[in-house]
Amino acid sequence: MNYQTYPPSPDLAPLIKCFWSLEFSDNTTLEKQTIVPDGCMELIVHFGDLYQQFQVDGSSSVQPRSFVFGQLSSSLEIAPTGHTGIIAARFHPDGFTPMTPTALAEMENKAVALDELFGEAGIQLEQNILAATSNPERIRLLETFILSRLSTPEAIDRVVKSSVDLLMILEGQVKVEHIAGQLNVNRRQLERKFSTTVGLSPKQLSKIIRIQAALKKLNQDPEANLTDLAYQNGYFDQSHFIKDFKEFTGISPKQFFAGHLKLSALFIGME
């Protein structure tokens, strides 16, 4: 399994956390993988075989070859159908807003095809990436496309950006009321801004960031004491931690790391 991350250019650093690629053809990996919400939207192009996506009702569908995945508010199960070849841009929680006028809340838990979002430009990007022969070339294509789609810098909401930065610094261990007070903004106004520019509520993003912080620690030490971990991450007790953990992963912490979660482990705490 060959997984790589690449930093964005300085012009895109305020919007993009990183670019990443994933390639493998090992048939033993053709199994369901659980992807956990992390508060980031992604633009993904499959230059290898497509992935199957499973719904909570047991049904499944094949993902588009190129798409943007909206914010996840619950875990997602996917499985490769053959050789994996993926190139992707991972946006900061508020980074995708300047790319499209589409309401981000409408994209929640959905893979929206590039041609649906960007028309002919999305189709051309997909074709160019499929014709490319290296990941650096694919990343250059992604960067050129993203830069061409950006609206004015003012499209980045400074209140939301400050809120997201605060949530990241404090690893989600802060109440929405405190953030609103710090930024001198009404809580309902802040929630409306988040719905438009992040696609999640401040409370949802806070919980996701806190779970991701706990996952990173668990990934580093799978034998960590869950009660200690709960307190370290600002939970009232272990039961509250496990409740939130199951909300975003669908299983307990011990089950999470005991299962077949090769892809999930790659993305935990990904910069």
C-alpha atoms as a PDB file:
ATOM      1  CA  MET A   1       0.000   0.000   0.000  1.00  0.00           C
ATOM      2  CA  ASN A   2       1.614   3.242  -1.172  1.00  0.00           C
ATOM      3  CA  TYR A   3       0.191   6.295   0.579  1.00  0.00           C
ATOM      4  CA  GLN A   4       1.723   9.759   0.205  1.00  0.00           C
ATOM      5  CA  THR A   5       0.826  13.294   1.253  1.00  0.00           C
ATOM      6  CA  TYR A   6       1.919  16.487  -0.509  1.00  0.00           C
ATOM      7  CA  PRO A   7       1.773  20.084   0.765  1.00  0.00           C
ATOM      8  CA  PRO A   8      -0.293  22.628  -1.200  1.00  0.00           C
ATOM      9  CA  SER A   9       1.247  25.681  -2.837  1.00  0.00           C
ATOM     10  CA  PRO A  10       1.350  28.840  -0.669  1.00  0.00           C
ATOM     11  CA  ASP A  11      -1.607  30.309  -2.596  1.00  0.00           C
ATOM     12  CA  LEU A  12      -3.776  27.328  -1.649  1.00  0.00           C
ATOM     13  CA  ALA A  13      -2.499  26.692   1.885  1.00  0.00           C
ATOM     14  CA  PRO A  14      -5.343  28.724   3.488  1.00  0.00           C
ATOM     15  CA  LEU A  15      -7.860  26.393   1.826  1.00  0.00           C
ATOM     16  CA  ILE A  16      -6.166  23.011   1.460  1.00  0.00           C
ATOM     17  CA  LYS A  17      -4.759  20.889   4.243  1.00  0.00           C
ATOM     18  CA  CYS A  18      -2.871  18.603   1.872  1.00  0.00           C
ATOM     19  CA  PHE A  19      -3.011  16.601  -1.313  1.00  0.00           C
ATOM     20  CA  TRP A  20      -2.744  12.833  -0.978  1.00  0.00           C
ATOM     21  CA  SER A  21      -2.426   9.741  -3.120  1.00  0.00           C
ATOM     22  CA  LEU A  22      -3.137   6.090  -2.448  1.00  0.00           C
ATOM     23  CA  GLU A  23      -2.185   3.144  -4.659  1.00  0.00           C
ATOM     24  CA  PHE A  24      -2.309  -0.603  -4.100  1.00  0.00           C
ATOM     25  CA  SER A  25      -3.419  -3.756  -5.897  1.00  0.00           C
ATOM     26  CA  ASP A  26      -3.190  -6.325  -3.068  1.00  0.00           C
ATOM     27  CA  ASN A  27      -6.335  -8.469  -3.289  1.00  0.00           C
ATOM     28  CA  THR A  28      -6.318  -9.022   0.482  1.00  0.00           C
ATOM     29  CA  THR A  29      -7.416  -5.395   0.887  1.00  0.00           C
ATOM     30  CA  LEU A  30     -10.655  -5.954  -1.070  1.00  0.00           C
ATOM     31  CA  GLU A  31     -12.779  -5.650   2.046  1.00  0.00           C
ATOM     32  CA  LYS A  32     -14.981  -3.043   3.664  1.00  0.00           C
ATOM     33  CA  GLN A  33     -13.176  -0.166   5.304  1.00  0.00           C
ATOM     34  CA  THR A  34     -14.655   2.312   7.784  1.00  0.00           C
ATOM     35  CA  ILE A  35     -13.918   5.991   7.197  1.00  0.00           C
ATOM     36  CA  VAL A  36     -14.544   8.243  10.210  1.00  0.00           C
ATOM     37  CA  PRO A  37     -15.681  11.892   9.963  1.00  0.00           C
ATOM     38  CA  ASP A  38     -12.803  14.363  10.310  1.00  0.00           C
ATOM     39  CA  GLY A  39     -14.445  17.711   9.488  1.00  0.00           C
ATOM     40  CA  CYS A  40     -12.785  18.025   6.052  1.00  0.00           C
ATOM     41  CA  MET A  41     -14.297  17.835   2.570  1.00  0.00           C
ATOM     42  CA  GLU A  42     -12.293  16.189  -0.207  1.00  0.00           C
ATOM     43  CA  LEU A  43     -12.045  16.379  -3.978  1.00  0.00           C
ATOM     44  CA  ILE A  44     -11.256  12.831  -5.122  1.00  0.00           C
ATOM     45  CA  VAL A  45     -10.367  11.324  -8.497  1.00  0.00           C
ATOM     46  CA  HIS A  46     -10.084   7.562  -9.003  1.00  0.00           C
ATOM     47  CA  PHE A  47      -7.467   6.932 -11.698  1.00  0.00           C
ATOM     48  CA  GLY A  48      -7.593   3.263 -10.710  1.00  0.00           C
ATOM     49  CA  ASP A  49     -10.673   1.071 -10.273  1.00  0.00           C
ATOM     50  CA  LEU A  50     -13.730   2.568  -8.602  1.00  0.00           C
ATOM     51  CA  TYR A  51     -14.862   2.104  -5.005  1.00  0.00           C
ATOM     52  CA  GLN A  52     -18.114   0.670  -3.732  1.00  0.00           C
ATOM     53  CA  GLN A  53     -19.940   2.680  -1.083  1.00  0.00           C
ATOM     54  CA  PHE A  54     -22.320   1.078   1.407  1.00  0.00           C
ATOM     55  CA  GLN A  55     -25.446   2.711   2.841  1.00  0.00           C
ATOM     56  CA  VAL A  56     -26.843   2.254   6.355  1.00  0.00           C
ATOM     57  CA  ASP A  57     -29.850   0.364   4.915  1.00  0.00           C
ATOM     58  CA  GLY A  58     -27.518  -2.308   3.492  1.00  0.00           C
ATOM     59  CA  SER A  59     -27.656  -1.112  -0.108  1.00  0.00           C
ATOM     60  CA  SER A  60     -24.551  -0.045  -2.015  1.00  0.00           C
ATOM     61  CA  SER A  61     -23.519   1.987  -5.037  1.00  0.00           C
ATOM     62  CA  VAL A  62     -20.335   2.623  -7.002  1.00  0.00           C
ATOM     63  CA  GLN A  63     -18.729   5.997  -6.414  1.00  0.00           C
ATOM     64  CA  PRO A  64     -18.266   8.368  -9.371  1.00  0.00           C
ATOM     65  CA  ARG A  65     -14.809   8.419 -10.927  1.00  0.00           C
ATOM     66  CA  SER A  66     -14.321  12.034  -9.818  1.00  0.00           C
ATOM     67  CA  PHE A  67     -16.300  13.775  -7.095  1.00  0.00           C
ATOM     68  CA  VAL A  68     -16.341  15.964  -4.029  1.00  0.00           C
ATOM     69  CA  PHE A  69     -17.359  14.251  -0.813  1.00  0.00           C
ATOM     70  CA  GLY A  70     -19.366  16.516   1.467  1.00  0.00           C
ATOM     71  CA  GLN A  71     -18.969  16.611   5.210  1.00  0.00           C
ATOM     72  CA  LEU A  72     -19.394  13.267   6.944  1.00  0.00           C
ATOM     73  CA  SER A  73     -21.610  13.328  10.022  1.00  0.00           C
ATOM     74  CA  SER A  74     -21.344   9.562  10.575  1.00  0.00           C
ATOM     75  CA  SER A  75     -18.947   6.793   9.573  1.00  0.00           C
ATOM     76  CA  LEU A  76     -18.785   5.636   5.963  1.00  0.00           C
ATOM     77  CA  GLU A  77     -18.128   2.110   4.692  1.00  0.00           C
ATOM     78  CA  ILE A  78     -16.342   1.679   1.377  1.00  0.00           C
ATOM     79  CA  ALA A  79     -14.508  -1.110  -0.440  1.00  0.00           C
ATOM     80  CA  PRO A  80     -12.179  -1.189  -3.457  1.00  0.00           C
ATOM     81  CA  THR A  81     -13.312  -3.167  -6.490  1.00  0.00           C
ATOM     82  CA  GLY A  82      -9.817  -3.806  -7.844  1.00  0.00           C
ATOM     83  CA  HIS A  83      -6.605  -1.815  -8.207  1.00  0.00           C
ATOM     84  CA  THR A  84      -6.663   1.361  -6.136  1.00  0.00           C
ATOM     85  CA  GLY A  85      -5.350   4.577  -7.636  1.00  0.00           C
ATOM     86  CA  ILE A  86      -6.562   7.764  -5.929  1.00  0.00           C
ATOM     87  CA  ILE A  87      -5.458  11.384  -6.031  1.00  0.00           C
ATOM     88  CA  ALA A  88      -7.232  13.847  -3.745  1.00  0.00           C
ATOM     89  CA  ALA A  89      -7.278  17.334  -2.274  1.00  0.00           C
ATOM     90  CA  ARG A  90      -8.202  17.551   1.384  1.00  0.00           C
ATOM     91  CA  PHE A  91      -9.684  20.930   2.292  1.00  0.00           C
ATOM     92  CA  HIS A  92      -9.641  22.657   5.651  1.00  0.00           C
ATOM     93  CA  PRO A  93     -13.106  22.528   7.300  1.00  0.00           C
ATOM     94  CA  ASP A  94     -14.019  25.918   5.782  1.00  0.00           C
ATOM     95  CA  GLY A  95     -11.771  25.626   2.717  1.00  0.00           C
ATOM     96  CA  PHE A  96     -14.175  24.382   0.056  1.00  0.00           C
ATOM     97  CA  THR A  97     -16.621  27.317   0.267  1.00  0.00           C
ATOM     98  CA  PRO A  98     -14.835  29.558  -2.284  1.00  0.00           C
ATOM     99  CA  MET A  99     -15.026  26.744  -4.857  1.00  0.00           C
ATOM    100  CA  THR A 100     -18.787  26.641  -5.401  1.00  0.00           C
ATOM    101  CA  PRO A 101     -22.043  28.457  -4.596  1.00  0.00           C
ATOM    102  CA  THR A 102     -23.653  25.109  -3.693  1.00  0.00           C
ATOM    103  CA  ALA A 103     -24.906  25.032  -0.095  1.00  0.00           C
ATOM    104  CA  LEU A 104     -22.484  22.712   1.686  1.00  0.00           C
ATOM    105  CA  ALA A 105     -25.175  21.394   4.038  1.00  0.00           C
ATOM    106  CA  GLU A 106     -26.861  19.871   0.960  1.00  0.00           C
ATOM    107  CA  MET A 107     -23.726  17.815   0.263  1.00  0.00           C
ATOM    108  CA  GLU A 108     -23.583  16.173   3.699  1.00  0.00           C
ATOM    109  CA  ASN A 109     -22.662  12.457   3.477  1.00  0.00           C
ATOM    110  CA  LYS A 110     -22.770  12.585  -0.338  1.00  0.00           C
ATOM    111  CA  ALA A 111     -20.285  11.995  -3.154  1.00  0.00           C
ATOM    112  CA  VAL A 112     -21.207  14.689  -5.706  1.00  0.00           C
ATOM    113  CA  ALA A 113     -19.746  14.113  -9.185  1.00  0.00           C
ATOM    114  CA  LEU A 114     -17.454  16.837 -10.540  1.00  0.00           C
ATOM    115  CA  ASP A 115     -19.559  17.282 -13.677  1.00  0.00           C
ATOM    116  CA  GLU A 116     -22.590  17.971 -11.471  1.00  0.00           C
ATOM    117  CA  LEU A 117     -20.692  20.612  -9.507  1.00  0.00           C
ATOM    118  CA  PHE A 118     -18.519  22.167 -12.231  1.00  0.00           C
ATOM    119  CA  GLY A 119     -19.989  21.080 -15.574  1.00  0.00           C
ATOM    120  CA  GLU A 120     -17.589  20.789 -18.511  1.00  0.00           C
ATOM    121  CA  ALA A 121     -14.656  22.007 -16.387  1.00  0.00           C
ATOM    122  CA  GLY A 122     -15.134  19.039 -14.050  1.00  0.00           C
ATOM    123  CA  ILE A 123     -15.253  16.613 -16.969  1.00  0.00           C
ATOM    124  CA  GLN A 124     -12.056  18.097 -18.425  1.00  0.00           C
ATOM    125  CA  LEU A 125     -10.235  17.825 -15.081  1.00  0.00           C
ATOM    126  CA  GLU A 126     -11.156  14.144 -14.818  1.00  0.00           C
ATOM    127  CA  GLN A 127      -9.939  13.451 -18.354  1.00  0.00           C
ATOM    128  CA  ASN A 128      -6.678  15.305 -17.767  1.00  0.00           C
ATOM    129  CA  ILE A 129      -5.952  13.400 -14.552  1.00  0.00           C
ATOM    130  CA  LEU A 130      -6.716  10.057 -16.190  1.00  0.00           C
ATOM    131  CA  ALA A 131      -4.248  10.930 -18.964  1.00  0.00           C
ATOM    132  CA  ALA A 132      -1.525  11.996 -16.498  1.00  0.00           C
ATOM    133  CA  THR A 133       1.324   9.587 -15.813  1.00  0.00           C
ATOM    134  CA  SER A 134       2.575  10.702 -12.384  1.00  0.00           C
ATOM    135  CA  ASN A 135       1.180  11.975  -9.099  1.00  0.00           C
ATOM    136  CA  PRO A 136       3.112  15.286  -9.222  1.00  0.00           C
ATOM    137  CA  GLU A 137       1.482  15.920 -12.605  1.00  0.00           C
ATOM    138  CA  ARG A 138      -1.950  15.021 -11.184  1.00  0.00           C
ATOM    139  CA  ILE A 139      -1.427  17.408  -8.272  1.00  0.00           C
ATOM    140  CA  ARG A 140      -0.431  20.228 -10.633  1.00  0.00           C
ATOM    141  CA  LEU A 141      -3.680  19.637 -12.516  1.00  0.00           C
ATOM    142  CA  LEU A 142      -5.679  19.748  -9.291  1.00  0.00           C
ATOM    143  CA  GLU A 143      -3.967  22.938  -8.143  1.00  0.00           C
ATOM    144  CA  THR A 144      -4.545  24.675 -11.485  1.00  0.00           C
ATOM    145  CA  PHE A 145      -8.203  23.645 -11.447  1.00  0.00           C
ATOM    146  CA  ILE A 146      -8.796  24.791  -7.857  1.00  0.00           C
ATOM    147  CA  LEU A 147      -7.084  28.147  -8.433  1.00  0.00           C
ATOM    148  CA  SER A 148      -9.221  28.699 -11.534  1.00  0.00           C
ATOM    149  CA  ARG A 149     -12.431  28.071  -9.561  1.00  0.00           C
ATOM    150  CA  LEU A 150     -11.744  30.386  -6.644  1.00  0.00           C
ATOM    151  CA  SER A 151     -13.893  33.417  -6.067  1.00  0.00           C
ATOM    152  CA  THR A 152     -12.581  36.461  -4.214  1.00  0.00           C
ATOM    153  CA  PRO A 153     -10.601  36.009  -0.966  1.00  0.00           C
ATOM    154  CA  GLU A 154     -13.526  37.665   0.827  1.00  0.00           C
ATOM    155  CA  ALA A 155     -15.463  34.424   0.285  1.00  0.00           C
ATOM    156  CA  ILE A 156     -13.594  33.027   3.306  1.00  0.00           C
ATOM    157  CA  ASP A 157     -15.646  33.962   6.362  1.00  0.00           C
ATOM    158  CA  ARG A 158     -13.224  35.351   8.940  1.00  0.00           C
ATOM    159  CA  VAL A 159     -15.502  34.567  11.886  1.00  0.00           C
ATOM    160  CA  VAL A 160     -15.807  30.923  10.829  1.00  0.00           C
ATOM    161  CA  LYS A 161     -12.065  30.667  10.146  1.00  0.00           C
ATOM    162  CA  SER A 162     -11.277  32.037  13.620  1.00  0.00           C
ATOM    163  CA  SER A 163     -13.798  29.614  15.137  1.00  0.00           C
ATOM    164  CA  VAL A 164     -12.309  26.619  13.297  1.00  0.00           C
ATOM    165  CA  ASP A 165      -8.780  27.646  14.287  1.00  0.00           C
ATOM    166  CA  LEU A 166      -9.860  27.845  17.945  1.00  0.00           C
ATOM    167  CA  LEU A 167     -11.535  24.426  17.774  1.00  0.00           C
ATOM    168  CA  MET A 168      -8.395  22.917  16.263  1.00  0.00           C
ATOM    169  CA  ILE A 169      -6.063  24.467  18.822  1.00  0.00           C
ATOM    170  CA  LEU A 170      -8.227  23.285  21.724  1.00  0.00           C
ATOM    171  CA  GLU A 171      -8.908  19.873  20.080  1.00  0.00           C
ATOM    172  CA  GLY A 172     -12.658  20.461  20.257  1.00  0.00           C
ATOM    173  CA  GLN A 173     -12.632  20.982  24.009  1.00  0.00           C
ATOM    174  CA  VAL A 174     -14.545  24.259  24.019  1.00  0.00           C
ATOM    175  CA  LYS A 175     -18.250  25.133  24.141  1.00  0.00           C
ATOM    176  CA  VAL A 176     -19.942  26.907  21.235  1.00  0.00           C
ATOM    177  CA  GLU A 177     -21.120  29.639  23.617  1.00  0.00           C
ATOM    178  CA  HIS A 178     -17.503  30.359  24.535  1.00  0.00           C
ATOM    179  CA  ILE A 179     -16.464  30.639  20.881  1.00  0.00           C
ATOM    180  CA  ALA A 180     -19.383  32.977  20.125  1.00  0.00           C
ATOM    181  CA  GLY A 181     -18.477  35.123  23.138  1.00  0.00           C
ATOM    182  CA  GLN A 182     -14.782  35.247  22.188  1.00  0.00           C
ATOM    183  CA  LEU A 183     -15.645  36.424  18.678  1.00  0.00           C
ATOM    184  CA  ASN A 184     -18.479  38.714  19.790  1.00  0.00           C
ATOM    185  CA  VAL A 185     -21.052  36.988  17.595  1.00  0.00           C
ATOM    186  CA  ASN A 186     -24.524  35.609  18.304  1.00  0.00           C
ATOM    187  CA  ARG A 187     -24.608  31.797  18.639  1.00  0.00           C
ATOM    188  CA  ARG A 188     -27.398  31.407  16.072  1.00  0.00           C
ATOM    189  CA  GLN A 189     -25.524  33.632  13.647  1.00  0.00           C
ATOM    190  CA  LEU A 190     -22.412  31.512  14.132  1.00  0.00           C
ATOM    191  CA  GLU A 191     -24.417  28.322  13.509  1.00  0.00           C
ATOM    192  CA  ARG A 192     -25.857  29.774  10.267  1.00  0.00           C
ATOM    193  CA  LYS A 193     -22.377  30.749   9.095  1.00  0.00           C
ATOM    194  CA  PHE A 194     -21.085  27.229   9.821  1.00  0.00           C
ATOM    195  CA  SER A 195     -23.965  25.622   7.928  1.00  0.00           C
ATOM    196  CA  THR A 196     -23.092  27.720   4.867  1.00  0.00           C
ATOM    197  CA  THR A 197     -19.293  27.599   4.942  1.00  0.00           C
ATOM    198  CA  VAL A 198     -18.469  24.305   6.698  1.00  0.00           C
ATOM    199  CA  GLY A 199     -21.530  22.133   6.140  1.00  0.00           C
ATOM    200  CA  LEU A 200     -21.669  21.137   9.822  1.00  0.00           C
ATOM    201  CA  SER A 201     -22.790  22.902  12.979  1.00  0.00           C
ATOM    202  CA  PRO A 202     -20.096  24.206  15.370  1.00  0.00           C
ATOM    203  CA  LYS A 203     -21.122  21.529  17.870  1.00  0.00           C
ATOM    204  CA  GLN A 204     -20.816  18.744  15.280  1.00  0.00           C
ATOM    205  CA  LEU A 205     -17.374  19.928  14.177  1.00  0.00           C
ATOM    206  CA  SER A 206     -16.252  20.247  17.803  1.00  0.00           C
ATOM    207  CA  LYS A 207     -17.289  16.652  18.530  1.00  0.00           C
ATOM    208  CA  ILE A 208     -15.581  15.385  15.361  1.00  0.00           C
ATOM    209  CA  ILE A 209     -12.315  17.173  16.184  1.00  0.00           C
ATOM    210  CA  ARG A 210     -12.402  15.779  19.716  1.00  0.00           C
ATOM    211  CA  ILE A 211     -13.019  12.231  18.469  1.00  0.00           C
ATOM    212  CA  GLN A 212     -10.185  12.588  15.936  1.00  0.00           C
ATOM    213  CA  ALA A 213      -7.830  13.711  18.721  1.00  0.00           C
ATOM    214  CA  ALA A 214      -8.811  10.641  20.755  1.00  0.00           C
ATOM    215  CA  LEU A 215      -8.403   8.377  17.707  1.00  0.00           C
ATOM    216  CA  LYS A 216      -4.909   9.692  17.116  1.00  0.00           C
ATOM    217  CA  LYS A 217      -3.945   8.886  20.694  1.00  0.00           C
ATOM    218  CA  LEU A 218      -5.569   5.444  20.482  1.00  0.00           C
ATOM    219  CA  ASN A 219      -3.791   4.754  17.220  1.00  0.00           C
ATOM    220  CA  GLN A 220      -0.480   5.534  18.922  1.00  0.00           C
ATOM    221  CA  ASP A 221      -1.371   3.411  21.959  1.00  0.00           C
ATOM    222  CA  PRO A 222      -4.213   0.890  21.323  1.00  0.00           C
ATOM    223  CA  GLU A 223      -3.877  -0.341  24.927  1.00  0.00           C
ATOM    224  CA  ALA A 224      -4.543   3.122  26.397  1.00  0.00           C
ATOM    225  CA  ASN A 225      -6.857   3.261  29.401  1.00  0.00           C
ATOM    226  CA  LEU A 226     -10.241   4.474  28.085  1.00  0.00           C
ATOM    227  CA  THR A 227     -11.133   6.324  31.273  1.00  0.00           C
ATOM    228  CA  ASP A 228      -7.873   8.292  31.173  1.00  0.00           C
ATOM    229  CA  LEU A 229      -8.380   8.937  27.457  1.00  0.00           C
ATOM    230  CA  ALA A 230     -11.899  10.220  28.097  1.00  0.00           C
ATOM    231  CA  TYR A 231     -10.702  12.725  30.682  1.00  0.00           C
ATOM    232  CA  GLN A 232      -7.747  13.820  28.522  1.00  0.00           C
ATOM    233  CA  ASN A 233     -10.176  14.665  25.719  1.00  0.00           C
ATOM    234  CA  GLY A 234     -12.620  16.597  27.865  1.00  0.00           C
ATOM    235  CA  TYR A 235     -15.333  13.981  28.349  1.00  0.00           C
ATOM    236  CA  PHE A 236     -17.316  13.816  31.578  1.00  0.00           C
ATOM    237  CA  ASP A 237     -16.600  10.097  31.894  1.00  0.00           C
ATOM    238  CA  GLN A 238     -15.793   6.965  29.895  1.00  0.00           C
ATOM    239  CA  SER A 239     -19.437   6.251  29.011  1.00  0.00           C
ATOM    240  CA  HIS A 240     -19.837   9.677  27.370  1.00  0.00           C
ATOM    241  CA  PHE A 241     -16.628   9.090  25.400  1.00  0.00           C
ATOM    242  CA  ILE A 242     -17.786   5.666  24.173  1.00  0.00           C
ATOM    243  CA  LYS A 243     -21.215   7.106  23.251  1.00  0.00           C
ATOM    244  CA  ASP A 244     -19.634   9.792  21.048  1.00  0.00           C
ATOM    245  CA  PHE A 245     -17.124   7.292  19.651  1.00  0.00           C
ATOM    246  CA  LYS A 246     -19.936   4.952  18.552  1.00  0.00           C
ATOM    247  CA  GLU A 247     -21.860   7.892  17.082  1.00  0.00           C
ATOM    248  CA  PHE A 248     -19.028   8.635  14.647  1.00  0.00           C
ATOM    249  CA  THR A 249     -17.560   5.158  14.080  1.00  0.00           C
ATOM    250  CA  GLY A 250     -20.525   2.844  14.683  1.00  0.00           C
ATOM    251  CA  ILE A 251     -18.454   0.605  16.981  1.00  0.00           C
ATOM    252  CA  SER A 252     -16.557   0.678  20.284  1.00  0.00           C
ATOM    253  CA  PRO A 253     -12.906   1.843  20.515  1.00  0.00           C
ATOM    254  CA  LYS A 254     -11.633  -1.719  21.022  1.00  0.00           C
ATOM    255  CA  GLN A 255     -13.637  -3.012  18.050  1.00  0.00           C
ATOM    256  CA  PHE A 256     -12.360  -0.146  15.907  1.00  0.00           C
ATOM    257  CA  PHE A 257      -8.725  -1.139  16.211  1.00  0.00           C
ATOM    258  CA  ALA A 258      -9.409  -4.881  16.209  1.00  0.00           C
ATOM    259  CA  GLY A 259     -11.124  -4.789  12.792  1.00  0.00           C
ATOM    260  CA  HIS A 260      -9.925  -4.457   9.200  1.00  0.00           C
ATOM    261  CA  LEU A 261      -9.327  -0.712   9.188  1.00  0.00           C
ATOM    262  CA  LYS A 262      -6.255  -0.219   7.030  1.00  0.00           C
ATOM    263  CA  LEU A 263      -7.580   2.878   5.268  1.00  0.00           C
ATOM    264  CA  SER A 264      -8.972   4.465   8.439  1.00  0.00           C
ATOM    265  CA  ALA A 265      -5.613   4.168  10.175  1.00  0.00           C
ATOM    266  CA  LEU A 266      -3.944   6.012   7.291  1.00  0.00           C
ATOM    267  CA  PHE A 267      -6.162   9.055   7.634  1.00  0.00           C
ATOM    268  CA  ILE A 268      -6.215   9.429  11.429  1.00  0.00           C
ATOM    269  CA  GLY A 269      -4.636  12.760  12.295  1.00  0.00           C
ATOM    270  CA  MET A 270      -3.611  13.278   8.663  1.00  0.00           C
ATOM    271  CA  GLU A 271      -2.080  16.700   8.111  1.00  0.00           C
END
